[in-house]
Amino acid sequence: MEAEGLVTSSRGHGTVVRQQVALKRLGIARYDKAKWRDGDEVASIADRVASGRTYRRNEQTQTVSRVVAPPEAAAAHGLPEGAEVYARARLVKEGDQPTHTLTSYYRPEHVEGTRLVDPTPGPPGRGGGFRVLCDAGYEIDHMKEQLFARAATPDEVKQLQLPPGEPVVELHRTTYTADGTVVEFAIGVHAASRFAWEYDFKVPDSARDGEGQQ
């Protein structure tokens, strides 16, 4: 059962059944502009609110560095090999338990001199990173997300405090302005059992939409 992630064992506590209540991770609704542009609910906080969970803004570490863009980030931003980007890496916790990591990659010309390059723990001011981009003239308009499950690496097992056999869900998020400029590429690694993804959206009808454009 421990190998399957159903129970955990620790010195002094014995074997206990793992908590199975997953944190609701909103889909489209977590990025509602009213939450971060007009309020102060960054995406991870929106998930907590939707799940009826408490939160503290400082439940997030932050490391900012200027690095050579990883291949995925360079491709997303349309940058040549060897180009530099700002990497903003966060470890997000719920209380003392890590839930996921998220590293955002930005073009230097988009974020230089903004709070996004400030390593102070917690979201970078009211409204978080998307609000900072908006104030800098790069209001987000649409995004693409890719999700896939995989085995955790040894470093991820340690960082996320995963039990044996726990997989992770990797997220790739590309964020665009209305004119198609990529302003953020992010990679998130989530403890699979600690989240439940939820999407609520209008079902597209491309045939009907096409008629209106003729």
Protein backbone atom coordinates (compact mmCIF):
# COMPACT_ATOMS: atom_id res chain seq x y z
CA MET A 1 0.00 0.00 0.00
CA GLU A 2 2.89 2.35 0.73
CA ALA A 3 4.38 1.68 -2.71
CA GLU A 4 1.05 2.68 -4.24
CA GLY A 5 0.96 5.89 -2.21
CA LEU A 6 -2.11 4.88 -0.17
CA VAL A 7 -0.38 5.08 3.21
CA THR A 8 2.70 6.83 4.58
CA SER A 9 5.16 5.74 7.24
CA SER A 10 7.28 7.95 9.44
CA ARG A 11 9.42 7.44 12.53
CA GLY A 12 7.44 8.05 15.69
CA HIS A 13 4.08 8.09 13.92
CA GLY A 14 3.87 4.64 12.37
CA THR A 15 1.80 3.97 9.26
CA VAL A 16 -1.17 6.19 8.52
CA VAL A 17 -3.65 6.50 5.67
CA ARG A 18 -2.79 9.41 3.39
CA GLN A 19 -5.14 12.38 3.30
CA GLN A 20 -7.08 12.11 0.04
CA VAL A 21 -8.82 15.52 -0.02
CA ALA A 22 -7.41 17.16 -3.13
CA LEU A 23 -7.04 20.87 -3.63
CA LYS A 24 -9.40 22.01 -6.38
CA ARG A 25 -7.35 23.53 -9.17
CA LEU A 26 -9.61 25.73 -11.25
CA GLY A 27 -9.12 25.70 -15.00
CA ILE A 28 -10.03 28.82 -16.93
CA ALA A 29 -11.65 30.53 -13.93
CA ARG A 30 -8.37 30.71 -11.98
CA TYR A 31 -7.13 33.28 -14.51
CA ASP A 32 -10.19 35.54 -14.38
CA LYS A 33 -8.88 39.09 -14.79
CA ALA A 34 -11.27 40.33 -12.13
CA LYS A 35 -9.37 38.22 -9.60
CA TRP A 36 -5.87 39.63 -10.20
CA ARG A 37 -6.35 42.87 -12.14
CA ASP A 38 -9.16 44.25 -9.98
CA GLY A 39 -8.49 42.22 -6.83
CA ASP A 40 -5.65 40.32 -5.21
CA GLU A 41 -6.34 36.67 -6.00
CA VAL A 42 -3.38 35.25 -7.88
CA ALA A 43 -4.10 31.87 -9.48
CA SER A 44 -2.86 29.72 -6.59
CA ILE A 45 -4.90 31.76 -4.11
CA ALA A 46 -7.99 31.46 -6.35
CA ASP A 47 -7.60 27.68 -6.08
CA ARG A 48 -7.52 27.88 -2.29
CA VAL A 49 -10.59 30.13 -2.17
CA ALA A 50 -12.51 27.80 -4.49
CA SER A 51 -11.57 24.84 -2.29
CA GLY A 52 -12.62 26.57 0.92
CA ARG A 53 -9.07 26.41 2.22
CA THR A 54 -7.14 29.00 4.19
CA TYR A 55 -3.99 30.54 2.81
CA ARG A 56 -1.15 32.90 3.61
CA ARG A 57 0.46 35.01 0.91
CA ASN A 58 3.93 34.02 2.05
CA GLU A 59 3.34 30.29 1.48
CA GLN A 60 5.56 30.60 -1.56
CA THR A 61 9.32 30.78 -1.86
CA GLN A 62 10.84 32.68 -4.75
CA THR A 63 14.18 32.55 -6.53
CA VAL A 64 14.87 34.86 -9.47
CA SER A 65 17.88 34.51 -11.74
CA ARG A 66 18.97 35.40 -15.25
CA VAL A 67 19.79 32.17 -17.07
CA VAL A 68 20.27 30.70 -20.51
CA ALA A 69 16.78 29.79 -21.70
CA PRO A 70 15.96 26.08 -21.47
CA PRO A 71 14.97 24.64 -24.88
CA GLU A 72 11.21 24.70 -24.14
CA ALA A 73 11.33 28.31 -22.96
CA ALA A 74 13.45 29.45 -25.90
CA ALA A 75 11.05 27.78 -28.34
CA ALA A 76 7.98 29.32 -26.69
CA HIS A 77 9.48 32.82 -26.77
CA GLY A 78 10.94 32.38 -30.25
CA LEU A 79 14.46 32.99 -28.96
CA PRO A 80 17.70 31.63 -30.43
CA GLU A 81 19.81 29.04 -28.64
CA GLY A 82 21.89 30.65 -25.91
CA ALA A 83 19.55 33.61 -25.35
CA GLU A 84 19.02 34.66 -21.75
CA VAL A 85 15.73 34.89 -19.88
CA TYR A 86 14.66 35.61 -16.33
CA ALA A 87 13.64 32.47 -14.44
CA ARG A 88 11.28 33.03 -11.52
CA ALA A 89 11.09 29.77 -9.56
CA ARG A 90 8.54 29.21 -6.79
CA LEU A 91 7.83 26.41 -4.35
CA VAL A 92 4.21 26.71 -3.20
CA LYS A 93 3.04 25.19 0.07
CA GLU A 94 -0.22 24.64 1.88
CA GLY A 95 0.83 25.14 5.46
CA ASP A 96 3.99 23.07 5.81
CA GLN A 97 3.21 20.72 2.91
CA PRO A 98 4.60 21.55 -0.53
CA THR A 99 1.98 21.26 -3.27
CA HIS A 100 3.82 22.23 -6.44
CA THR A 101 6.66 24.12 -8.05
CA LEU A 102 6.25 26.70 -10.78
CA THR A 103 9.03 28.34 -12.79
CA SER A 104 8.15 31.20 -15.13
CA TYR A 105 10.49 32.33 -17.89
CA TYR A 106 10.35 35.91 -19.18
CA ARG A 107 12.16 37.95 -21.81
CA PRO A 108 14.41 40.47 -20.01
CA GLU A 109 12.99 43.41 -21.96
CA HIS A 110 9.50 42.60 -20.65
CA VAL A 111 10.33 42.44 -16.93
CA GLU A 112 13.59 44.31 -16.31
CA GLY A 113 13.07 46.76 -13.45
CA THR A 114 9.69 45.30 -12.40
CA ARG A 115 8.71 43.39 -9.26
CA LEU A 116 8.95 40.15 -11.23
CA VAL A 117 12.71 40.20 -10.78
CA ASP A 118 12.43 40.88 -7.03
CA PRO A 119 13.21 37.66 -5.09
CA THR A 120 11.11 38.65 -2.05
CA PRO A 121 8.99 35.59 -1.03
CA GLY A 122 5.32 35.63 -1.98
CA PRO A 123 3.46 37.05 -4.99
CA PRO A 124 5.11 40.18 -6.48
CA GLY A 125 2.65 42.70 -5.09
CA ARG A 126 -1.10 43.05 -5.39
CA GLY A 127 -2.47 40.90 -8.21
CA GLY A 128 0.73 38.95 -8.68
CA GLY A 129 2.77 38.45 -11.83
CA PHE A 130 -0.03 38.97 -14.32
CA ARG A 131 -0.82 42.35 -12.75
CA VAL A 132 2.86 43.32 -13.03
CA LEU A 133 2.87 42.41 -16.73
CA CYS A 134 -0.39 44.31 -17.24
CA ASP A 135 1.00 47.44 -15.58
CA ALA A 136 4.11 47.17 -17.78
CA GLY A 137 1.92 47.25 -20.91
CA TYR A 138 1.67 43.50 -21.49
CA GLU A 139 -1.89 42.62 -20.51
CA ILE A 140 -2.48 38.90 -20.92
CA ASP A 141 -5.17 37.89 -23.40
CA HIS A 142 -5.02 34.13 -23.88
CA MET A 143 -2.91 31.15 -22.93
CA LYS A 144 -2.18 27.55 -23.83
CA GLU A 145 -1.74 24.82 -21.23
CA GLN A 146 -0.40 21.30 -21.64
CA LEU A 147 -0.67 18.69 -18.88
CA PHE A 148 0.93 15.28 -18.62
CA ALA A 149 1.66 12.80 -15.85
CA ARG A 150 5.05 11.21 -15.28
CA ALA A 151 7.20 9.61 -12.62
CA ALA A 152 8.81 12.03 -10.18
CA THR A 153 12.56 12.57 -10.21
CA PRO A 154 14.53 11.99 -6.97
CA ASP A 155 14.88 15.77 -6.53
CA GLU A 156 11.12 16.26 -6.93
CA VAL A 157 10.38 13.50 -4.42
CA LYS A 158 12.53 15.35 -1.90
CA GLN A 159 11.33 18.88 -2.71
CA LEU A 160 7.62 18.02 -2.79
CA GLN A 161 7.89 15.49 0.07
CA LEU A 162 6.28 12.79 -2.05
CA PRO A 163 5.54 9.29 -0.72
CA PRO A 164 6.96 6.31 -2.62
CA GLY A 165 5.24 5.78 -5.95
CA GLU A 166 3.59 9.21 -6.12
CA PRO A 167 3.57 10.54 -9.71
CA VAL A 168 3.61 14.20 -10.65
CA VAL A 169 1.60 16.21 -13.17
CA GLU A 170 3.71 18.56 -15.25
CA LEU A 171 2.14 21.74 -16.60
CA HIS A 172 3.45 23.81 -19.49
CA ARG A 173 1.77 27.23 -19.74
CA THR A 174 2.33 29.74 -22.52
CA THR A 175 0.80 33.18 -21.96
CA TYR A 176 0.11 35.66 -24.77
CA THR A 177 -0.97 39.26 -25.22
CA ALA A 178 -3.75 40.10 -27.69
CA ASP A 179 -1.25 40.57 -30.53
CA GLY A 180 0.26 37.12 -29.94
CA THR A 181 3.37 38.19 -28.03
CA VAL A 182 4.49 35.51 -25.57
CA VAL A 183 5.08 37.20 -22.20
CA GLU A 184 5.50 34.12 -20.02
CA PHE A 185 6.35 30.45 -20.43
CA ALA A 186 5.96 28.45 -17.24
CA ILE A 187 6.65 24.89 -16.14
CA GLY A 188 4.84 23.58 -13.07
CA VAL A 189 5.33 20.27 -11.29
CA HIS A 190 2.40 19.18 -9.13
CA ALA A 191 2.02 16.34 -6.63
CA ALA A 192 -0.65 14.33 -8.45
CA SER A 193 -2.76 13.37 -5.43
CA ARG A 194 -2.87 16.91 -4.02
CA PHE A 195 -4.84 18.44 -6.91
CA ALA A 196 -8.05 17.88 -8.82
CA TRP A 197 -8.27 19.85 -12.07
CA GLU A 198 -11.62 21.42 -12.91
CA TYR A 199 -12.62 23.09 -16.18
CA ASP A 200 -15.85 24.96 -16.90
CA PHE A 201 -16.12 26.47 -20.37
CA LYS A 202 -18.43 27.14 -23.25
CA VAL A 203 -18.45 24.30 -25.78
CA PRO A 204 -17.21 25.61 -29.14
CA ASP A 205 -19.18 25.17 -32.35
CA SER A 206 -16.73 25.89 -35.16
CA ALA A 207 -19.30 25.19 -37.89
CA ARG A 208 -21.74 27.76 -36.51
CA ASP A 209 -18.98 30.26 -35.75
CA GLY A 210 -17.69 29.88 -39.31
CA GLU A 211 -21.11 30.78 -40.75
CA GLY A 212 -21.03 34.12 -38.95
CA GLN A 213 -17.68 34.96 -40.52
CA GLN A 214 -18.73 34.36 -44.13
